[in-house]
PDB file of N, CA and C in Angstrom:
ATOM      1  N   MET A   1      41.678  93.703  34.558  1.00  0.00           N
ATOM      2  CA  MET A   1      41.302  92.771  33.510  1.00  0.00           C
ATOM      3  C   MET A   1      40.025  93.249  32.806  1.00  0.00           C
ATOM      4  N   ALA A   2      39.743  92.623  31.681  1.00  0.00           N
ATOM      5  CA  ALA A   2      38.651  93.086  30.816  1.00  0.00           C
ATOM      6  C   ALA A   2      37.325  92.397  31.116  1.00  0.00           C
ATOM      7  N   ARG A   3      36.248  93.108  30.766  1.00  0.00           N
ATOM      8  CA  ARG A   3      34.911  92.521  30.747  1.00  0.00           C
ATOM      9  C   ARG A   3      34.709  92.034  29.317  1.00  0.00           C
ATOM     10  N   VAL A   4      34.491  90.723  29.151  1.00  0.00           N
ATOM     11  CA  VAL A   4      34.418  90.112  27.832  1.00  0.00           C
ATOM     12  C   VAL A   4      33.047  89.476  27.629  1.00  0.00           C
ATOM     13  N   LEU A   5      32.432  89.786  26.498  1.00  0.00           N
ATOM     14  CA  LEU A   5      31.173  89.149  26.100  1.00  0.00           C
ATOM     15  C   LEU A   5      31.498  88.160  24.991  1.00  0.00           C
ATOM     16  N   ILE A   6      31.172  86.897  25.217  1.00  0.00           N
ATOM     17  CA  ILE A   6      31.397  85.855  24.208  1.00  0.00           C
ATOM     18  C   ILE A   6      30.045  85.476  23.616  1.00  0.00           C
ATOM     19  N   ILE A   7      29.960  85.530  22.286  1.00  0.00           N
ATOM     20  CA  ILE A   7      28.728  85.164  21.582  1.00  0.00           C
ATOM     21  C   ILE A   7      29.032  83.957  20.704  1.00  0.00           C
ATOM     22  N   ASP A   8      28.409  82.841  21.021  1.00  0.00           N
ATOM     23  CA  ASP A   8      28.629  81.607  20.246  1.00  0.00           C
ATOM     24  C   ASP A   8      27.473  80.661  20.501  1.00  0.00           C
ATOM     25  N   ASP A   9      27.022  79.975  19.466  1.00  0.00           N
ATOM     26  CA  ASP A   9      25.907  79.044  19.626  1.00  0.00           C
ATOM     27  C   ASP A   9      26.347  77.667  20.098  1.00  0.00           C
ATOM     28  N   GLU A  10      27.637  77.425  20.171  1.00  0.00           N
ATOM     29  CA  GLU A  10      28.140  76.127  20.623  1.00  0.00           C
ATOM     30  C   GLU A  10      28.453  76.186  22.112  1.00  0.00           C
ATOM     31  N   GLU A  11      27.669  75.454  22.890  1.00  0.00           N
ATOM     32  CA  GLU A  11      27.798  75.448  24.353  1.00  0.00           C
ATOM     33  C   GLU A  11      29.224  75.111  24.804  1.00  0.00           C
ATOM     34  N   ASN A  12      29.850  74.124  24.155  1.00  0.00           N
ATOM     35  CA  ASN A  12      31.196  73.726  24.576  1.00  0.00           C
ATOM     36  C   ASN A  12      32.225  74.840  24.326  1.00  0.00           C
ATOM     37  N   ILE A  13      32.055  75.607  23.269  1.00  0.00           N
ATOM     38  CA  ILE A  13      32.959  76.729  22.986  1.00  0.00           C
ATOM     39  C   ILE A  13      32.763  77.810  24.051  1.00  0.00           C
ATOM     40  N   LEU A  14      31.504  78.112  24.379  1.00  0.00           N
ATOM     41  CA  LEU A  14      31.229  79.107  25.422  1.00  0.00           C
ATOM     42  C   LEU A  14      31.885  78.711  26.741  1.00  0.00           C
ATOM     43  N   LYS A  15      31.722  77.458  27.130  1.00  0.00           N
ATOM     44  CA  LYS A  15      32.289  76.987  28.395  1.00  0.00           C
ATOM     45  C   LYS A  15      33.806  77.029  28.376  1.00  0.00           C
ATOM     46  N   MET A  16      34.408  76.529  27.296  1.00  0.00           N
ATOM     47  CA  MET A  16      35.865  76.473  27.205  1.00  0.00           C
ATOM     48  C   MET A  16      36.476  77.871  27.243  1.00  0.00           C
ATOM     49  N   LEU A  17      35.941  78.781  26.421  1.00  0.00           N
ATOM     50  CA  LEU A  17      36.475  80.141  26.384  1.00  0.00           C
ATOM     51  C   LEU A  17      36.231  80.867  27.706  1.00  0.00           C
ATOM     52  N   SER A  18      35.039  80.702  28.274  1.00  0.00           N
ATOM     53  CA  SER A  18      34.728  81.341  29.554  1.00  0.00           C
ATOM     54  C   SER A  18      35.711  80.914  30.631  1.00  0.00           C
ATOM     55  N   MET A  19      35.912  79.616  30.754  1.00  0.00           N
ATOM     56  CA  MET A  19      36.829  79.107  31.779  1.00  0.00           C
ATOM     57  C   MET A  19      38.239  79.630  31.563  1.00  0.00           C
ATOM     58  N   ALA A  20      38.704  79.606  30.325  1.00  0.00           N
ATOM     59  CA  ALA A  20      40.069  80.048  30.026  1.00  0.00           C
ATOM     60  C   ALA A  20      40.245  81.535  30.324  1.00  0.00           C
ATOM     61  N   LEU A  21      39.267  82.352  29.936  1.00  0.00           N
ATOM     62  CA  LEU A  21      39.379  83.795  30.155  1.00  0.00           C
ATOM     63  C   LEU A  21      39.218  84.151  31.634  1.00  0.00           C
ATOM     64  N   GLU A  22      38.309  83.479  32.323  1.00  0.00           N
ATOM     65  CA  GLU A  22      38.131  83.733  33.756  1.00  0.00           C
ATOM     66  C   GLU A  22      39.378  83.332  34.538  1.00  0.00           C
ATOM     67  N   ARG A  23      40.035  82.257  34.118  1.00  0.00           N
ATOM     68  CA  ARG A  23      41.274  81.825  34.751  1.00  0.00           C
ATOM     69  C   ARG A  23      42.345  82.914  34.642  1.00  0.00           C
ATOM     70  N   GLU A  24      42.262  83.714  33.588  1.00  0.00           N
ATOM     71  CA  GLU A  24      43.216  84.815  33.384  1.00  0.00           C
ATOM     72  C   GLU A  24      42.761  86.105  34.067  1.00  0.00           C
ATOM     73  N   GLY A  25      41.614  86.053  34.749  1.00  0.00           N
ATOM     74  CA  GLY A  25      41.140  87.198  35.499  1.00  0.00           C
ATOM     75  C   GLY A  25      40.081  88.051  34.822  1.00  0.00           C
ATOM     76  N   HIS A  26      39.656  87.669  33.625  1.00  0.00           N
ATOM     77  CA  HIS A  26      38.641  88.436  32.911  1.00  0.00           C
ATOM     78  C   HIS A  26      37.246  88.110  33.457  1.00  0.00           C
ATOM     79  N   LYS A  27      36.349  89.090  33.389  1.00  0.00           N
ATOM     80  CA  LYS A  27      34.944  88.879  33.766  1.00  0.00           C
ATOM     81  C   LYS A  27      34.194  88.546  32.477  1.00  0.00           C
ATOM     82  N   VAL A  28      33.540  87.400  32.425  1.00  0.00           N
ATOM     83  CA  VAL A  28      32.934  86.909  31.188  1.00  0.00           C
ATOM     84  C   VAL A  28      31.414  86.828  31.290  1.00  0.00           C
ATOM     85  N   THR A  29      30.755  87.276  30.217  1.00  0.00           N
ATOM     86  CA  THR A  29      29.321  87.113  30.021  1.00  0.00           C
ATOM     87  C   THR A  29      29.162  86.369  28.704  1.00  0.00           C
ATOM     88  N   THR A  30      28.136  85.525  28.590  1.00  0.00           N
ATOM     89  CA  THR A  30      27.963  84.762  27.356  1.00  0.00           C
ATOM     90  C   THR A  30      26.564  84.924  26.772  1.00  0.00           C
ATOM     91  N   ALA A  31      26.495  84.755  25.458  1.00  0.00           N
ATOM     92  CA  ALA A  31      25.235  84.780  24.717  1.00  0.00           C
ATOM     93  C   ALA A  31      25.298  83.703  23.645  1.00  0.00           C
ATOM     94  N   SER A  32      24.136  83.151  23.277  1.00  0.00           N
ATOM     95  CA  SER A  32      24.118  82.039  22.328  1.00  0.00           C
ATOM     96  C   SER A  32      23.801  82.447  20.887  1.00  0.00           C
ATOM     97  N   ASN A  33      23.565  83.750  20.640  1.00  0.00           N
ATOM     98  CA  ASN A  33      23.360  84.220  19.264  1.00  0.00           C
ATOM     99  C   ASN A  33      23.543  85.737  19.231  1.00  0.00           C
ATOM    100  N   GLY A  34      23.599  86.296  18.048  1.00  0.00           N
ATOM    101  CA  GLY A  34      23.848  87.717  17.890  1.00  0.00           C
ATOM    102  C   GLY A  34      22.790  88.604  18.513  1.00  0.00           C
ATOM    103  N   LYS A  35      21.546  88.205  18.404  1.00  0.00           N
ATOM    104  CA  LYS A  35      20.441  89.005  18.959  1.00  0.00           C
ATOM    105  C   LYS A  35      20.583  89.125  20.480  1.00  0.00           C
ATOM    106  N   GLU A  36      20.818  87.991  21.122  1.00  0.00           N
ATOM    107  CA  GLU A  36      21.012  87.971  22.568  1.00  0.00           C
ATOM    108  C   GLU A  36      22.298  88.729  22.934  1.00  0.00           C
ATOM    109  N   GLY A  37      23.321  88.580  22.111  1.00  0.00           N
ATOM    110  CA  GLY A  37      24.591  89.253  22.360  1.00  0.00           C
ATOM    111  C   GLY A  37      24.465  90.769  22.334  1.00  0.00           C
ATOM    112  N   ILE A  38      23.734  91.299  21.373  1.00  0.00           N
ATOM    113  CA  ILE A  38      23.523  92.755  21.291  1.00  0.00           C
ATOM    114  C   ILE A  38      22.788  93.248  22.533  1.00  0.00           C
ATOM    115  N   LYS A  39      21.761  92.517  22.943  1.00  0.00           N
ATOM    116  CA  LYS A  39      20.995  92.889  24.136  1.00  0.00           C
ATOM    117  C   LYS A  39      21.917  92.906  25.365  1.00  0.00           C
ATOM    118  N   LEU A  40      22.721  91.862  25.531  1.00  0.00           N
ATOM    119  CA  LEU A  40      23.624  91.793  26.681  1.00  0.00           C
ATOM    120  C   LEU A  40      24.704  92.872  26.624  1.00  0.00           C
ATOM    121  N   TYR A  41      25.196  93.177  25.434  1.00  0.00           N
ATOM    122  CA  TYR A  41      26.210  94.225  25.322  1.00  0.00           C
ATOM    123  C   TYR A  41      25.643  95.556  25.814  1.00  0.00           C
ATOM    124  N   LYS A  42      24.416  95.866  25.440  1.00  0.00           N
ATOM    125  CA  LYS A  42      23.787  97.128  25.856  1.00  0.00           C
ATOM    126  C   LYS A  42      23.615  97.180  27.374  1.00  0.00           C
ATOM    127  N   GLU A  43      23.473  96.011  28.009  1.00  0.00           N
ATOM    128  CA  GLU A  43      23.320  95.953  29.466  1.00  0.00           C
ATOM    129  C   GLU A  43      24.660  96.000  30.189  1.00  0.00           C
ATOM    130  N   THR A  44      25.688  95.382  29.612  1.00  0.00           N
ATOM    131  CA  THR A  44      26.971  95.240  30.306  1.00  0.00           C
ATOM    132  C   THR A  44      28.071  96.164  29.790  1.00  0.00           C
ATOM    133  N   LEU A  45      27.943  96.634  28.560  1.00  0.00           N
ATOM    134  CA  LEU A  45      28.996  97.421  27.909  1.00  0.00           C
ATOM    135  C   LEU A  45      30.375  96.800  28.130  1.00  0.00           C
ATOM    136  N   ALA A  46      30.501  95.556  27.688  1.00  0.00           N
ATOM    137  CA  ALA A  46      31.756  94.823  27.809  1.00  0.00           C
ATOM    138  C   ALA A  46      32.884  95.584  27.120  1.00  0.00           C
ATOM    139  N   ASP A  47      34.109  95.327  27.565  1.00  0.00           N
ATOM    140  CA  ASP A  47      35.280  95.961  26.964  1.00  0.00           C
ATOM    141  C   ASP A  47      35.586  95.358  25.595  1.00  0.00           C
ATOM    142  N   VAL A  48      35.311  94.056  25.464  1.00  0.00           N
ATOM    143  CA  VAL A  48      35.600  93.321  24.229  1.00  0.00           C
ATOM    144  C   VAL A  48      34.485  92.316  23.969  1.00  0.00           C
ATOM    145  N   ILE A  49      34.132  92.168  22.691  1.00  0.00           N
ATOM    146  CA  ILE A  49      33.188  91.130  22.281  1.00  0.00           C
ATOM    147  C   ILE A  49      33.951  90.113  21.446  1.00  0.00           C
ATOM    148  N   ILE A  50      33.759  88.842  21.764  1.00  0.00           N
ATOM    149  CA  ILE A  50      34.280  87.751  20.938  1.00  0.00           C
ATOM    150  C   ILE A  50      33.046  87.081  20.351  1.00  0.00           C
ATOM    151  N   THR A  51      32.927  87.097  19.037  1.00  0.00           N
ATOM    152  CA  THR A  51      31.721  86.515  18.433  1.00  0.00           C
ATOM    153  C   THR A  51      32.036  85.490  17.354  1.00  0.00           C
ATOM    154  N   ASP A  52      31.243  84.446  17.363  1.00  0.00           N
ATOM    155  CA  ASP A  52      31.250  83.466  16.286  1.00  0.00           C
ATOM    156  C   ASP A  52      30.559  84.124  15.093  1.00  0.00           C
ATOM    157  N   ILE A  53      30.702  83.551  13.934  1.00  0.00           N
ATOM    158  CA  ILE A  53      30.065  84.107  12.736  1.00  0.00           C
ATOM    159  C   ILE A  53      28.785  83.354  12.389  1.00  0.00           C
ATOM    160  N   VAL A  54      28.866  82.053  12.249  1.00  0.00           N
ATOM    161  CA  VAL A  54      27.710  81.261  11.815  1.00  0.00           C
ATOM    162  C   VAL A  54      26.916  80.816  13.041  1.00  0.00           C
ATOM    163  N   MET A  55      25.724  81.436  13.204  1.00  0.00           N
ATOM    164  CA  MET A  55      24.841  81.135  14.342  1.00  0.00           C
ATOM    165  C   MET A  55      23.392  81.291  13.904  1.00  0.00           C
ATOM    166  N   PRO A  56      22.479  80.616  14.622  1.00  0.00           N
ATOM    167  CA  PRO A  56      21.052  80.809  14.329  1.00  0.00           C
ATOM    168  C   PRO A  56      20.570  82.142  14.893  1.00  0.00           C
ATOM    169  N   GLU A  57      19.347  82.498  14.598  1.00  0.00           N
ATOM    170  CA  GLU A  57      18.678  83.700  15.098  1.00  0.00           C
ATOM    171  C   GLU A  57      19.280  84.965  14.490  1.00  0.00           C
ATOM    172  N   MET A  58      20.530  85.286  14.821  1.00  0.00           N
ATOM    173  CA  MET A  58      21.233  86.390  14.177  1.00  0.00           C
ATOM    174  C   MET A  58      22.708  86.009  14.105  1.00  0.00           C
ATOM    175  N   GLU A  59      23.232  85.962  12.885  1.00  0.00           N
ATOM    176  CA  GLU A  59      24.623  85.553  12.723  1.00  0.00           C
ATOM    177  C   GLU A  59      25.573  86.663  13.166  1.00  0.00           C
ATOM    178  N   GLY A  60      26.832  86.288  13.324  1.00  0.00           N
ATOM    179  CA  GLY A  60      27.842  87.207  13.811  1.00  0.00           C
ATOM    180  C   GLY A  60      28.100  88.408  12.922  1.00  0.00           C
ATOM    181  N   LEU A  61      28.058  88.216  11.601  1.00  0.00           N
ATOM    182  CA  LEU A  61      28.312  89.340  10.693  1.00  0.00           C
ATOM    183  C   LEU A  61      27.266  90.439  10.873  1.00  0.00           C
ATOM    184  N   GLU A  62      26.006  90.041  10.989  1.00  0.00           N
ATOM    185  CA  GLU A  62      24.942  91.017  11.192  1.00  0.00           C
ATOM    186  C   GLU A  62      25.098  91.699  12.556  1.00  0.00           C
ATOM    187  N   ALA A  63      25.462  90.926  13.578  1.00  0.00           N
ATOM    188  CA  ALA A  63      25.669  91.492  14.911  1.00  0.00           C
ATOM    189  C   ALA A  63      26.821  92.493  14.908  1.00  0.00           C
ATOM    190  N   ILE A  64      27.919  92.142  14.246  1.00  0.00           N
ATOM    191  CA  ILE A  64      29.071  93.049  14.160  1.00  0.00           C
ATOM    192  C   ILE A  64      28.653  94.358  13.495  1.00  0.00           C
ATOM    193  N   LYS A  65      27.954  94.236  12.390  1.00  0.00           N
ATOM    194  CA  LYS A  65      27.525  95.419  11.643  1.00  0.00           C
ATOM    195  C   LYS A  65      26.622  96.314  12.497  1.00  0.00           C
ATOM    196  N   LYS A  66      25.643  95.720  13.170  1.00  0.00           N
ATOM    197  CA  LYS A  66      24.723  96.496  14.006  1.00  0.00           C
ATOM    198  C   LYS A  66      25.451  97.146  15.183  1.00  0.00           C
ATOM    199  N   LEU A  67      26.305  96.383  15.848  1.00  0.00           N
ATOM    200  CA  LEU A  67      27.045  96.924  16.986  1.00  0.00           C
ATOM    201  C   LEU A  67      27.983  98.051  16.554  1.00  0.00           C
ATOM    202  N   ARG A  68      28.669  97.870  15.448  1.00  0.00           N
ATOM    203  CA  ARG A  68      29.606  98.878  14.954  1.00  0.00           C
ATOM    204  C   ARG A  68      28.867 100.160  14.574  1.00  0.00           C
ATOM    205  N   ASN A  69      27.668 100.027  13.990  1.00  0.00           N
ATOM    206  CA  ASN A  69      26.884 101.216  13.626  1.00  0.00           C
ATOM    207  C   ASN A  69      26.446 102.002  14.851  1.00  0.00           C
ATOM    208  N   GLU A  70      26.102 101.292  15.929  1.00  0.00           N
ATOM    209  CA  GLU A  70      25.590 101.958  17.125  1.00  0.00           C
ATOM    210  C   GLU A  70      26.691 102.390  18.096  1.00  0.00           C
ATOM    211  N   PHE A  71      27.762 101.605  18.160  1.00  0.00           N
ATOM    212  CA  PHE A  71      28.860 101.877  19.101  1.00  0.00           C
ATOM    213  C   PHE A  71      30.170 101.947  18.314  1.00  0.00           C
ATOM    214  N   LYS A  72      30.559 103.131  17.930  1.00  0.00           N
ATOM    215  CA  LYS A  72      31.710 103.316  17.029  1.00  0.00           C
ATOM    216  C   LYS A  72      33.029 102.777  17.579  1.00  0.00           C
ATOM    217  N   ASP A  73      33.236 102.853  18.902  1.00  0.00           N
ATOM    218  CA  ASP A  73      34.518 102.463  19.500  1.00  0.00           C
ATOM    219  C   ASP A  73      34.544 101.035  20.037  1.00  0.00           C
ATOM    220  N   ILE A  74      33.542 100.258  19.713  1.00  0.00           N
ATOM    221  CA  ILE A  74      33.438  98.888  20.219  1.00  0.00           C
ATOM    222  C   ILE A  74      34.638  98.044  19.756  1.00  0.00           C
ATOM    223  N   LYS A  75      35.077  97.133  20.619  1.00  0.00           N
ATOM    224  CA  LYS A  75      36.202  96.239  20.322  1.00  0.00           C
ATOM    225  C   LYS A  75      35.645  94.853  20.036  1.00  0.00           C
ATOM    226  N   ILE A  76      35.940  94.324  18.840  1.00  0.00           N
ATOM    227  CA  ILE A  76      35.349  93.053  18.414  1.00  0.00           C
ATOM    228  C   ILE A  76      36.411  92.094  17.893  1.00  0.00           C
ATOM    229  N   ILE A  77      36.312  90.848  18.346  1.00  0.00           N
ATOM    230  CA  ILE A  77      37.125  89.742  17.844  1.00  0.00           C
ATOM    231  C   ILE A  77      36.147  88.731  17.247  1.00  0.00           C
ATOM    232  N   ALA A  78      36.379  88.332  16.007  1.00  0.00           N
ATOM    233  CA  ALA A  78      35.493  87.364  15.344  1.00  0.00           C
ATOM    234  C   ALA A  78      36.176  86.003  15.252  1.00  0.00           C
ATOM    235  N   LEU A  79      35.388  84.949  15.459  1.00  0.00           N
ATOM    236  CA  LEU A  79      35.848  83.566  15.338  1.00  0.00           C
ATOM    237  C   LEU A  79      34.984  82.856  14.314  1.00  0.00           C
ATOM    238  N   SER A  80      35.582  81.936  13.553  1.00  0.00           N
ATOM    239  CA  SER A  80      34.762  81.128  12.652  1.00  0.00           C
ATOM    240  C   SER A  80      35.399  79.773  12.403  1.00  0.00           C
ATOM    241  N   GLY A  81      34.540  78.777  12.435  1.00  0.00           N
ATOM    242  CA  GLY A  81      34.958  77.433  12.069  1.00  0.00           C
ATOM    243  C   GLY A  81      34.462  77.081  10.676  1.00  0.00           C
ATOM    244  N   GLY A  82      33.831  78.048  10.025  1.00  0.00           N
ATOM    245  CA  GLY A  82      33.317  77.818   8.677  1.00  0.00           C
ATOM    246  C   GLY A  82      31.823  77.577   8.690  1.00  0.00           C
ATOM    247  N   GLY A  83      31.345  77.146   7.597  1.00  0.00           N
ATOM    248  CA  GLY A  83      29.922  76.923   7.398  1.00  0.00           C
ATOM    249  C   GLY A  83      29.788  76.447   5.963  1.00  0.00           C
ATOM    250  N   PHE A  84      29.115  77.237   5.159  1.00  0.00           N
ATOM    251  CA  PHE A  84      28.963  76.891   3.746  1.00  0.00           C
ATOM    252  C   PHE A  84      30.202  77.246   2.936  1.00  0.00           C
ATOM    253  N   VAL A  85      31.012  78.157   3.488  1.00  0.00           N
ATOM    254  CA  VAL A  85      32.250  78.548   2.796  1.00  0.00           C
ATOM    255  C   VAL A  85      33.424  78.434   3.759  1.00  0.00           C
ATOM    256  N   ASN A  86      34.616  78.622   3.229  1.00  0.00           N
ATOM    257  CA  ASN A  86      35.839  78.589   4.018  1.00  0.00           C
ATOM    258  C   ASN A  86      35.758  79.642   5.127  1.00  0.00           C
ATOM    259  N   PRO A  87      36.187  79.306   6.371  1.00  0.00           N
ATOM    260  CA  PRO A  87      36.107  80.277   7.461  1.00  0.00           C
ATOM    261  C   PRO A  87      36.860  81.578   7.174  1.00  0.00           C
ATOM    262  N   LYS A  88      37.908  81.509   6.372  1.00  0.00           N
ATOM    263  CA  LYS A  88      38.678  82.720   6.058  1.00  0.00           C
ATOM    264  C   LYS A  88      37.834  83.732   5.287  1.00  0.00           C
ATOM    265  N   GLU A  89      36.882  83.267   4.497  1.00  0.00           N
ATOM    266  CA  GLU A  89      35.996  84.179   3.764  1.00  0.00           C
ATOM    267  C   GLU A  89      35.059  84.904   4.734  1.00  0.00           C
ATOM    268  N   TYR A  90      34.508  84.164   5.708  1.00  0.00           N
ATOM    269  CA  TYR A  90      33.665  84.790   6.725  1.00  0.00           C
ATOM    270  C   TYR A  90      34.470  85.816   7.515  1.00  0.00           C
ATOM    271  N   LEU A  91      35.700  85.449   7.860  1.00  0.00           N
ATOM    272  CA  LEU A  91      36.525  86.331   8.678  1.00  0.00           C
ATOM    273  C   LEU A  91      36.950  87.582   7.905  1.00  0.00           C
ATOM    274  N   LYS A  92      37.123  87.449   6.611  1.00  0.00           N
ATOM    275  CA  LYS A  92      37.424  88.619   5.774  1.00  0.00           C
ATOM    276  C   LYS A  92      36.250  89.602   5.820  1.00  0.00           C
ATOM    277  N   LEU A  93      35.038  89.071   5.751  1.00  0.00           N
ATOM    278  CA  LEU A  93      33.837  89.909   5.860  1.00  0.00           C
ATOM    279  C   LEU A  93      33.726  90.527   7.251  1.00  0.00           C
ATOM    280  N   ALA A  94      34.059  89.748   8.268  1.00  0.00           N
ATOM    281  CA  ALA A  94      34.001  90.261   9.641  1.00  0.00           C
ATOM    282  C   ALA A  94      34.934  91.460   9.800  1.00  0.00           C
ATOM    283  N   LYS A  95      36.130  91.377   9.222  1.00  0.00           N
ATOM    284  CA  LYS A  95      37.082  92.508   9.244  1.00  0.00           C
ATOM    285  C   LYS A  95      36.467  93.708   8.535  1.00  0.00           C
ATOM    286  N   HIS A  96      35.858  93.447   7.389  1.00  0.00           N
ATOM    287  CA  HIS A  96      35.240  94.509   6.604  1.00  0.00           C
ATOM    288  C   HIS A  96      34.137  95.220   7.411  1.00  0.00           C
ATOM    289  N   PHE A  97      33.376  94.456   8.203  1.00  0.00           N
ATOM    290  CA  PHE A  97      32.286  95.017   8.998  1.00  0.00           C
ATOM    291  C   PHE A  97      32.759  95.645  10.307  1.00  0.00           C
ATOM    292  N   GLY A  98      34.035  95.442  10.668  1.00  0.00           N
ATOM    293  CA  GLY A  98      34.550  96.148  11.838  1.00  0.00           C
ATOM    294  C   GLY A  98      35.213  95.343  12.928  1.00  0.00           C
ATOM    295  N   ALA A  99      35.423  94.042  12.737  1.00  0.00           N
ATOM    296  CA  ALA A  99      36.164  93.274  13.738  1.00  0.00           C
ATOM    297  C   ALA A  99      37.643  93.656  13.650  1.00  0.00           C
ATOM    298  N   GLN A 100      38.262  93.910  14.782  1.00  0.00           N
ATOM    299  CA  GLN A 100      39.677  94.273  14.779  1.00  0.00           C
ATOM    300  C   GLN A 100      40.586  93.053  14.632  1.00  0.00           C
ATOM    301  N   TYR A 101      40.162  91.929  15.200  1.00  0.00           N
ATOM    302  CA  TYR A 101      40.940  90.688  15.110  1.00  0.00           C
ATOM    303  C   TYR A 101      40.016  89.567  14.654  1.00  0.00           C
ATOM    304  N   THR A 102      40.569  88.616  13.922  1.00  0.00           N
ATOM    305  CA  THR A 102      39.809  87.440  13.499  1.00  0.00           C
ATOM    306  C   THR A 102      40.663  86.189  13.689  1.00  0.00           C
ATOM    307  N   PHE A 103      40.010  85.101  14.074  1.00  0.00           N
ATOM    308  CA  PHE A 103      40.685  83.826  14.281  1.00  0.00           C
ATOM    309  C   PHE A 103      39.814  82.689  13.774  1.00  0.00           C
ATOM    310  N   THR A 104      40.441  81.687  13.177  1.00  0.00           N
ATOM    311  CA  THR A 104      39.707  80.477  12.827  1.00  0.00           C
ATOM    312  C   THR A 104      39.605  79.613  14.080  1.00  0.00           C
ATOM    313  N   LYS A 105      38.522  78.845  14.164  1.00  0.00           N
ATOM    314  CA  LYS A 105      38.343  77.912  15.287  1.00  0.00           C
ATOM    315  C   LYS A 105      39.110  76.635  14.986  1.00  0.00           C
ATOM    316  N   PRO A 106      39.684  76.012  15.974  1.00  0.00           N
ATOM    317  CA  PRO A 106      39.789  76.479  17.345  1.00  0.00           C
ATOM    318  C   PRO A 106      40.875  77.564  17.442  1.00  0.00           C
ATOM    319  N   ALA A 107      40.559  78.646  18.130  1.00  0.00           N
ATOM    320  CA  ALA A 107      41.493  79.764  18.253  1.00  0.00           C
ATOM    321  C   ALA A 107      42.626  79.396  19.207  1.00  0.00           C
ATOM    322  N   ASN A 108      43.799  79.897  18.904  1.00  0.00           N
ATOM    323  CA  ASN A 108      44.951  79.736  19.786  1.00  0.00           C
ATOM    324  C   ASN A 108      44.718  80.652  20.988  1.00  0.00           C
ATOM    325  N   LEU A 109      44.652  80.080  22.181  1.00  0.00           N
ATOM    326  CA  LEU A 109      44.322  80.836  23.385  1.00  0.00           C
ATOM    327  C   LEU A 109      45.325  81.964  23.648  1.00  0.00           C
ATOM    328  N   LYS A 110      46.584  81.687  23.446  1.00  0.00           N
ATOM    329  CA  LYS A 110      47.619  82.702  23.674  1.00  0.00           C
ATOM    330  C   LYS A 110      47.394  83.909  22.752  1.00  0.00           C
ATOM    331  N   GLU A 111      47.082  83.645  21.488  1.00  0.00           N
ATOM    332  CA  GLU A 111      46.836  84.725  20.524  1.00  0.00           C
ATOM    333  C   GLU A 111      45.552  85.480  20.861  1.00  0.00           C
ATOM    334  N   LEU A 112      44.538  84.759  21.313  1.00  0.00           N
ATOM    335  CA  LEU A 112      43.273  85.380  21.694  1.00  0.00           C
ATOM    336  C   LEU A 112      43.478  86.300  22.902  1.00  0.00           C
ATOM    337  N   LEU A 113      44.205  85.820  23.901  1.00  0.00           N
ATOM    338  CA  LEU A 113      44.499  86.633  25.089  1.00  0.00           C
ATOM    339  C   LEU A 113      45.314  87.867  24.719  1.00  0.00           C
ATOM    340  N   SER A 114      46.233  87.695  23.809  1.00  0.00           N
ATOM    341  CA  SER A 114      47.051  88.816  23.341  1.00  0.00           C
ATOM    342  C   SER A 114      46.178  89.862  22.642  1.00  0.00           C
ATOM    343  N   ALA A 115      45.227  89.417  21.837  1.00  0.00           N
ATOM    344  CA  ALA A 115      44.322  90.331  21.138  1.00  0.00           C
ATOM    345  C   ALA A 115      43.459  91.094  22.145  1.00  0.00           C
ATOM    346  N   ILE A 116      42.962  90.406  23.160  1.00  0.00           N
ATOM    347  CA  ILE A 116      42.160  91.068  24.191  1.00  0.00           C
ATOM    348  C   ILE A 116      42.999  92.131  24.905  1.00  0.00           C
ATOM    349  N   GLU A 117      44.216  91.769  25.255  1.00  0.00           N
ATOM    350  CA  GLU A 117      45.110  92.713  25.917  1.00  0.00           C
ATOM    351  C   GLU A 117      45.379  93.938  25.040  1.00  0.00           C
ATOM    352  N   GLU A 118      45.634  93.703  23.778  1.00  0.00           N
ATOM    353  CA  GLU A 118      45.898  94.800  22.831  1.00  0.00           C
ATOM    354  C   GLU A 118      44.686  95.723  22.699  1.00  0.00           C
ATOM    355  N   LEU A 119      43.505  95.149  22.634  1.00  0.00           N
ATOM    356  CA  LEU A 119      42.289  95.950  22.465  1.00  0.00           C
ATOM    357  C   LEU A 119      41.905  96.745  23.713  1.00  0.00           C
ATOM    358  N   THR A 120      42.352  96.293  24.878  1.00  0.00           N
ATOM    359  CA  THR A 120      41.944  96.951  26.118  1.00  0.00           C
ATOM    360  C   THR A 120      43.041  97.811  26.739  1.00  0.00           C
ATOM    361  N   LYS A 121      44.080  98.097  25.990  1.00  0.00           N
ATOM    362  CA  LYS A 121      45.157  98.968  26.492  1.00  0.00           C
ATOM    363  C   LYS A 121      44.657 100.362  26.729  1.00  0.00           C
TER     364      LYS A 121
END
């Protein structure tokens, strides 16, 4: 199973995703913003990062861009529930910056698990 880093500022999302992924056998680490997520990624070198887009301190788009610049082969899944604009616009940018998969919140767990499996083959 995969080592997954989840970056999200919403505590309930972190808990829900962590529990669901751990139930499937994945090892999960969590961070509450992009800055913390980048630091944890450098320590854990997770197989996959799942990141929210709209967060305080450092948003997901900036984190994706920084991680992609430093780690070319990194596997990233972006999630967004929106913010000032439609979540699909944020997710389009996330794809542009290097996320391989994008999902609107709440993400379909089956599709999310499938994306993790595909990225870690």
